[in-house]
Amino acid sequence: MDIRVLRYFLAAAEEESITGAAQRLHVTQPTLSRQFMDLEEELGHELFIRSNRKLRLTPKGELFYERARAIVNLFERTKAEIRAEDELTGEIRIAAGETPALASLARAIARLQKEAPKVKFHITSGAESEVKSELHTGLTDFGVFVGIADTVGYSAIKLKQKDVWGILTRKDGPFAGKTHVEASDLIGVPLMTSEQSHLRNEFDGWLNDLKNDLNIVGTFNLLYNAYVLAAAGVGHVIALGGVINPTPESGLVWLPLHPKLECDIVVAWDRTRHLTPAAERLIALLKEEENRVGSPMP
């Protein structure tokens, strides 16, 4: 098995046809059929469900597709890094939790963009488990962790700017007229919280002894989906301020928790992995920006 065969497999899975993959790859159909038979024999499992209409992946094929795509992407990144000239070039990938508290990182990226216009940036959003998976496989250079996070094994910079927790709630709901929400206000009302913060019990200290009195009706990974549910009156969403700014049409308002509850933002990278010169430069610029206390966004 080599990269070429993995490319063949990905093309066939995406085209849902050996004929379509052959046209895309500019190879003959018998060549692909032979390669796939050899691949299935090597793995000891069928990867495709063959029919007269479309080529479908078996459950083992779906797993192999995800792994093959990650391997090919990592190979392309590695090849580009090795071929890179002495000047700063290539790409920097960042996997991040949802947070508005990235002013210093944004300024560092803007400065690097001016210094090295050939460097490209790719940012994806995800929960902590997804960010760690991206870092572990080498598919991303930096991970941004929001709130309580286990960063053992990583090098990290804790940003000075913090996020603030609050409640996304209907203006005409039980908190109408309030400027903030206290722990006792949350007793019995339907609440939605992020799956990550729920599992990590990030509010235990703030809630004191009221944790068991909460009515958690649902959890979420992406805040926008919860925002839509909150607008429909499904529940009140425990959310970081500034990730989503409610529109007047939504009928929602964000109220901060009281006493104020903040969470840390950490930018981390795998300390065992070799970073590109562009990534190293971004770290240096981020450290400079973090030393500029109180500097505004450009």
Protein backbone atom coordinates (compact mmCIF):
# COMPACT_ATOMS: atom_id res chain seq x y z
CA MET A 1 0.00 0.00 0.00
CA ASP A 2 1.34 3.45 -0.91
CA ILE A 3 0.14 7.02 -1.25
CA ARG A 4 -0.82 6.43 -4.88
CA VAL A 5 -3.21 3.64 -3.92
CA LEU A 6 -4.71 5.79 -1.18
CA ARG A 7 -5.35 8.54 -3.73
CA TYR A 8 -7.04 5.99 -5.99
CA PHE A 9 -9.25 4.82 -3.14
CA LEU A 10 -10.23 8.38 -2.11
CA ALA A 11 -11.14 9.29 -5.69
CA ALA A 12 -13.34 6.20 -6.10
CA ALA A 13 -15.10 6.86 -2.79
CA GLU A 14 -15.74 10.50 -3.65
CA GLU A 15 -16.84 9.84 -7.22
CA GLU A 16 -18.90 6.83 -6.09
CA SER A 17 -17.73 5.17 -9.29
CA ILE A 18 -14.62 3.42 -10.54
CA THR A 19 -15.29 4.85 -13.98
CA GLY A 20 -15.54 8.37 -12.59
CA ALA A 21 -12.37 7.89 -10.55
CA ALA A 22 -10.51 6.58 -13.62
CA GLN A 23 -11.49 9.69 -15.59
CA ARG A 24 -10.48 11.96 -12.72
CA LEU A 25 -7.12 10.25 -12.23
CA HIS A 26 -6.42 9.65 -15.94
CA VAL A 27 -5.84 5.94 -15.47
CA THR A 28 -7.67 2.93 -16.87
CA GLN A 29 -10.63 1.34 -15.11
CA PRO A 30 -9.03 -2.15 -15.05
CA THR A 31 -5.98 -0.64 -13.30
CA LEU A 32 -8.14 0.76 -10.52
CA SER A 33 -10.18 -2.43 -10.16
CA ARG A 34 -6.99 -4.45 -9.79
CA GLN A 35 -5.57 -2.01 -7.20
CA PHE A 36 -8.76 -2.15 -5.13
CA MET A 37 -8.87 -5.94 -5.18
CA ASP A 38 -5.25 -6.04 -3.98
CA LEU A 39 -6.01 -3.44 -1.31
CA GLU A 40 -8.99 -5.37 0.03
CA GLU A 41 -6.95 -8.56 0.07
CA GLU A 42 -4.16 -6.81 2.00
CA LEU A 43 -6.61 -5.43 4.57
CA GLY A 44 -8.66 -8.60 4.79
CA HIS A 45 -11.96 -6.73 4.38
CA GLU A 46 -14.17 -5.49 1.58
CA LEU A 47 -14.13 -1.73 1.29
CA PHE A 48 -16.77 -1.24 -1.38
CA ILE A 49 -20.32 -2.40 -2.00
CA ARG A 50 -20.40 -2.76 -5.76
CA SER A 51 -23.60 -2.32 -7.76
CA ASN A 52 -24.63 -1.26 -11.25
CA ARG A 53 -25.52 2.23 -10.05
CA LYS A 54 -23.13 3.60 -7.41
CA LEU A 55 -20.10 2.48 -5.52
CA ARG A 56 -20.75 2.53 -1.77
CA LEU A 57 -18.39 2.17 1.16
CA THR A 58 -18.76 -0.64 3.67
CA PRO A 59 -18.41 0.27 7.38
CA LYS A 60 -14.74 -0.78 7.17
CA GLY A 61 -14.47 1.30 4.00
CA GLU A 62 -15.81 4.38 5.77
CA LEU A 63 -13.21 3.98 8.51
CA PHE A 64 -10.46 3.48 5.95
CA TYR A 65 -11.64 6.56 4.03
CA GLU A 66 -11.21 8.80 7.09
CA ARG A 67 -7.74 7.39 7.81
CA ALA A 68 -6.65 7.54 4.18
CA ARG A 69 -7.75 11.15 3.85
CA ALA A 70 -5.81 12.13 6.99
CA ILE A 71 -2.69 10.29 5.75
CA VAL A 72 -2.79 11.92 2.31
CA ASN A 73 -3.36 15.38 3.79
CA LEU A 74 -0.47 14.92 6.21
CA PHE A 75 1.76 13.66 3.38
CA GLU A 76 0.95 16.75 1.28
CA ARG A 77 1.72 19.06 4.19
CA THR A 78 5.03 17.33 4.88
CA LYS A 79 6.03 17.42 1.22
CA ALA A 80 5.23 21.14 0.99
CA GLU A 81 7.23 21.89 4.14
CA ILE A 82 10.29 20.01 2.89
CA ARG A 83 10.13 21.68 -0.50
CA ALA A 84 9.66 25.13 1.02
CA GLU A 85 12.30 27.77 0.32
CA ASP A 86 14.24 29.57 3.04
CA GLU A 87 11.71 32.38 3.07
CA LEU A 88 8.64 31.96 5.25
CA THR A 89 6.02 30.13 3.24
CA GLY A 90 3.64 27.19 3.49
CA GLU A 91 0.52 27.03 5.63
CA ILE A 92 -0.41 27.26 9.28
CA ARG A 93 -3.41 25.32 10.55
CA ILE A 94 -5.25 26.23 13.72
CA ALA A 95 -8.00 24.18 15.39
CA ALA A 96 -9.95 26.26 17.87
CA GLY A 97 -12.80 26.17 20.30
CA GLU A 98 -15.39 28.90 19.85
CA THR A 99 -14.15 32.06 21.55
CA PRO A 100 -14.02 35.81 20.83
CA ALA A 101 -10.96 36.23 23.08
CA LEU A 102 -8.33 35.85 20.38
CA ALA A 103 -7.33 39.47 19.88
CA SER A 104 -3.61 38.91 20.43
CA LEU A 105 -3.55 35.80 18.20
CA ALA A 106 -5.42 37.71 15.48
CA ARG A 107 -2.89 40.56 15.66
CA ALA A 108 0.00 38.07 15.50
CA ILE A 109 -1.51 36.46 12.40
CA ALA A 110 -2.01 39.88 10.80
CA ARG A 111 1.64 40.78 11.44
CA LEU A 112 2.89 37.48 10.05
CA GLN A 113 0.71 37.95 6.99
CA LYS A 114 2.43 41.28 6.31
CA GLU A 115 5.89 39.82 6.92
CA ALA A 116 5.31 36.66 4.90
CA PRO A 117 2.43 37.03 2.41
CA LYS A 118 3.06 33.53 1.03
CA VAL A 119 1.99 31.94 4.32
CA LYS A 120 -1.62 30.77 4.26
CA PHE A 121 -3.86 30.22 7.27
CA HIS A 122 -6.57 27.61 7.81
CA ILE A 123 -8.77 27.75 10.91
CA THR A 124 -11.29 25.09 11.90
CA SER A 125 -13.67 25.08 14.86
CA GLY A 126 -14.21 22.20 17.23
CA ALA A 127 -14.54 21.02 20.80
CA GLU A 128 -11.53 20.03 22.91
CA SER A 129 -11.56 16.40 21.77
CA GLU A 130 -11.51 17.45 18.12
CA VAL A 131 -8.74 19.99 18.70
CA LYS A 132 -6.60 17.37 20.46
CA SER A 133 -7.22 14.85 17.69
CA GLU A 134 -6.04 17.37 15.09
CA LEU A 135 -2.91 18.12 17.13
CA HIS A 136 -2.18 14.45 17.80
CA THR A 137 -2.34 13.48 14.12
CA GLY A 138 -0.25 16.46 13.04
CA LEU A 139 -3.04 17.81 10.84
CA THR A 140 -2.97 21.11 12.70
CA ASP A 141 -0.12 23.23 14.08
CA PHE A 142 -1.93 24.95 16.94
CA GLY A 143 -4.92 24.20 19.11
CA VAL A 144 -6.95 26.81 20.97
CA PHE A 145 -8.52 25.45 24.17
CA VAL A 146 -11.36 27.25 25.93
CA GLY A 147 -12.02 26.81 29.64
CA ILE A 148 -10.69 23.93 31.72
CA ALA A 149 -8.46 21.86 29.45
CA ASP A 150 -5.83 19.17 29.93
CA THR A 151 -2.72 20.47 28.13
CA VAL A 152 -0.24 17.94 29.54
CA GLY A 153 2.23 17.08 26.80
CA TYR A 154 1.79 20.38 24.99
CA SER A 155 3.69 23.63 24.97
CA ALA A 156 1.22 26.40 25.61
CA ILE A 157 0.61 30.12 26.01
CA LYS A 158 -2.23 31.18 28.30
CA LEU A 159 -3.72 34.35 26.85
CA LYS A 160 -4.25 37.33 29.11
CA GLN A 161 -7.67 37.99 27.65
CA LYS A 162 -10.38 35.77 29.12
CA ASP A 163 -13.89 34.81 28.14
CA VAL A 164 -16.90 35.59 30.33
CA TRP A 165 -19.80 33.20 30.93
CA GLY A 166 -23.41 34.26 30.72
CA ILE A 167 -26.88 33.20 29.60
CA LEU A 168 -28.50 33.52 26.18
CA THR A 169 -32.16 33.95 27.05
CA ARG A 170 -35.37 35.36 25.61
CA LYS A 171 -36.03 39.01 26.40
CA ASP A 172 -39.58 38.14 27.41
CA GLY A 173 -38.50 35.18 29.56
CA PRO A 174 -38.10 34.78 33.33
CA PHE A 175 -34.98 36.99 33.36
CA ALA A 176 -36.69 39.97 31.67
CA GLY A 177 -35.42 43.26 33.09
CA LYS A 178 -32.34 41.72 34.71
CA THR A 179 -28.81 42.97 34.01
CA HIS A 180 -27.19 39.76 35.22
CA VAL A 181 -28.07 36.24 36.34
CA GLU A 182 -27.19 34.67 39.69
CA ALA A 183 -26.90 30.99 40.51
CA SER A 184 -30.21 30.96 42.39
CA ASP A 185 -31.96 32.33 39.26
CA LEU A 186 -31.11 29.15 37.37
CA ILE A 187 -32.84 26.71 39.70
CA GLY A 188 -35.53 24.75 37.89
CA VAL A 189 -35.42 26.62 34.55
CA PRO A 190 -34.56 24.60 31.40
CA LEU A 191 -30.88 25.03 30.58
CA MET A 192 -28.62 24.05 27.71
CA THR A 193 -24.84 23.96 28.03
CA SER A 194 -21.91 22.88 25.90
CA GLU A 195 -21.14 19.19 26.17
CA GLN A 196 -17.53 19.96 27.05
CA SER A 197 -18.29 22.35 29.92
CA HIS A 198 -21.02 20.01 31.19
CA LEU A 199 -18.67 17.02 31.33
CA ARG A 200 -15.91 19.06 32.95
CA ASN A 201 -18.23 20.60 35.56
CA GLU A 202 -16.82 24.06 34.85
CA PHE A 203 -19.50 25.79 36.92
CA ASP A 204 -19.26 23.74 40.11
CA GLY A 205 -17.38 26.37 42.10
CA TRP A 206 -19.67 29.16 40.94
CA LEU A 207 -22.85 27.16 41.65
CA ASN A 208 -21.69 26.09 45.13
CA ASP A 209 -24.33 23.63 46.40
CA LEU A 210 -26.92 24.34 43.69
CA LYS A 211 -25.53 22.03 40.98
CA ASN A 212 -28.07 19.26 41.62
CA ASP A 213 -30.95 21.75 41.36
CA LEU A 214 -30.20 22.60 37.72
CA ASN A 215 -32.47 21.35 34.95
CA ILE A 216 -30.12 20.57 32.04
CA VAL A 217 -32.43 19.76 29.11
CA GLY A 218 -29.72 19.47 26.48
CA THR A 219 -26.10 19.90 25.47
CA PHE A 220 -24.47 21.12 22.27
CA ASN A 221 -21.15 21.31 20.44
CA LEU A 222 -21.81 24.35 18.23
CA LEU A 223 -23.32 27.41 19.88
CA TYR A 224 -25.26 28.61 16.84
CA ASN A 225 -27.49 25.55 16.92
CA ALA A 226 -28.22 26.18 20.61
CA TYR A 227 -28.88 29.84 19.78
CA VAL A 228 -31.66 28.77 17.39
CA LEU A 229 -33.17 26.51 20.06
CA ALA A 230 -33.04 29.31 22.63
CA ALA A 231 -34.86 31.65 20.24
CA ALA A 232 -37.57 29.01 19.92
CA GLY A 233 -37.91 28.87 23.72
CA VAL A 234 -36.43 25.40 24.21
CA GLY A 235 -34.18 26.56 27.01
CA HIS A 236 -31.71 29.14 28.28
CA VAL A 237 -28.17 28.67 26.94
CA ILE A 238 -25.10 28.94 29.16
CA ALA A 239 -22.69 30.57 26.70
CA LEU A 240 -19.58 32.69 26.44
CA GLY A 241 -20.24 36.34 25.70
CA GLY A 242 -19.37 37.61 22.23
CA VAL A 243 -19.34 34.28 20.39
CA ILE A 244 -22.82 35.09 19.12
CA ASN A 245 -24.30 38.57 19.39
CA PRO A 246 -28.10 38.23 19.40
CA THR A 247 -29.93 40.20 16.72
CA PRO A 248 -33.03 42.24 17.64
CA GLU A 249 -35.12 39.88 15.52
CA SER A 250 -34.01 36.86 17.57
CA GLY A 251 -35.77 38.08 20.68
CA LEU A 252 -32.70 37.02 22.70
CA VAL A 253 -30.32 38.81 25.03
CA TRP A 254 -27.04 37.72 26.62
CA LEU A 255 -26.78 38.34 30.37
CA PRO A 256 -23.52 37.85 32.32
CA LEU A 257 -23.35 35.55 35.31
CA HIS A 258 -22.93 37.19 38.70
CA PRO A 259 -20.52 36.96 40.41
CA LYS A 260 -18.48 37.20 37.23
CA LEU A 261 -17.25 33.85 35.94
CA GLU A 262 -14.34 33.82 33.51
CA CYS A 263 -12.52 31.06 31.65
CA ASP A 264 -8.99 30.81 30.32
CA ILE A 265 -7.94 30.66 26.68
CA VAL A 266 -4.84 28.61 25.88
CA VAL A 267 -2.96 28.34 22.58
CA ALA A 268 -1.07 25.03 22.51
CA TRP A 269 1.13 22.97 20.20
CA ASP A 270 2.68 19.51 20.31
CA ARG A 271 6.08 19.91 21.96
CA THR A 272 7.37 16.73 20.29
CA ARG A 273 6.54 17.84 16.77
CA HIS A 274 8.85 19.87 14.55
CA LEU A 275 7.27 23.22 13.77
CA THR A 276 7.78 25.03 10.48
CA PRO A 277 9.69 28.35 10.50
CA ALA A 278 6.36 30.12 9.84
CA ALA A 279 4.77 28.46 12.88
CA GLU A 280 7.78 29.32 15.03
CA ARG A 281 7.52 32.93 13.89
CA LEU A 282 3.84 33.04 14.78
CA ILE A 283 4.67 31.89 18.32
CA ALA A 284 7.23 34.68 18.65
CA LEU A 285 4.75 37.27 17.40
CA LEU A 286 2.02 35.95 19.72
CA LYS A 287 4.36 36.30 22.70
CA GLU A 288 5.12 39.88 21.67
CA GLU A 289 1.42 40.69 21.39
CA GLU A 290 0.69 39.13 24.78
CA ASN A 291 3.31 41.43 26.30
CA ARG A 292 1.40 44.43 24.97
CA VAL A 293 -1.05 44.63 27.84
CA GLY A 294 -4.25 46.43 26.95
CA SER A 295 -3.36 46.88 23.28
CA PRO A 296 -6.51 47.29 21.14
CA MET A 297 -7.52 45.29 18.10
CA PRO A 298 -6.19 46.84 14.87
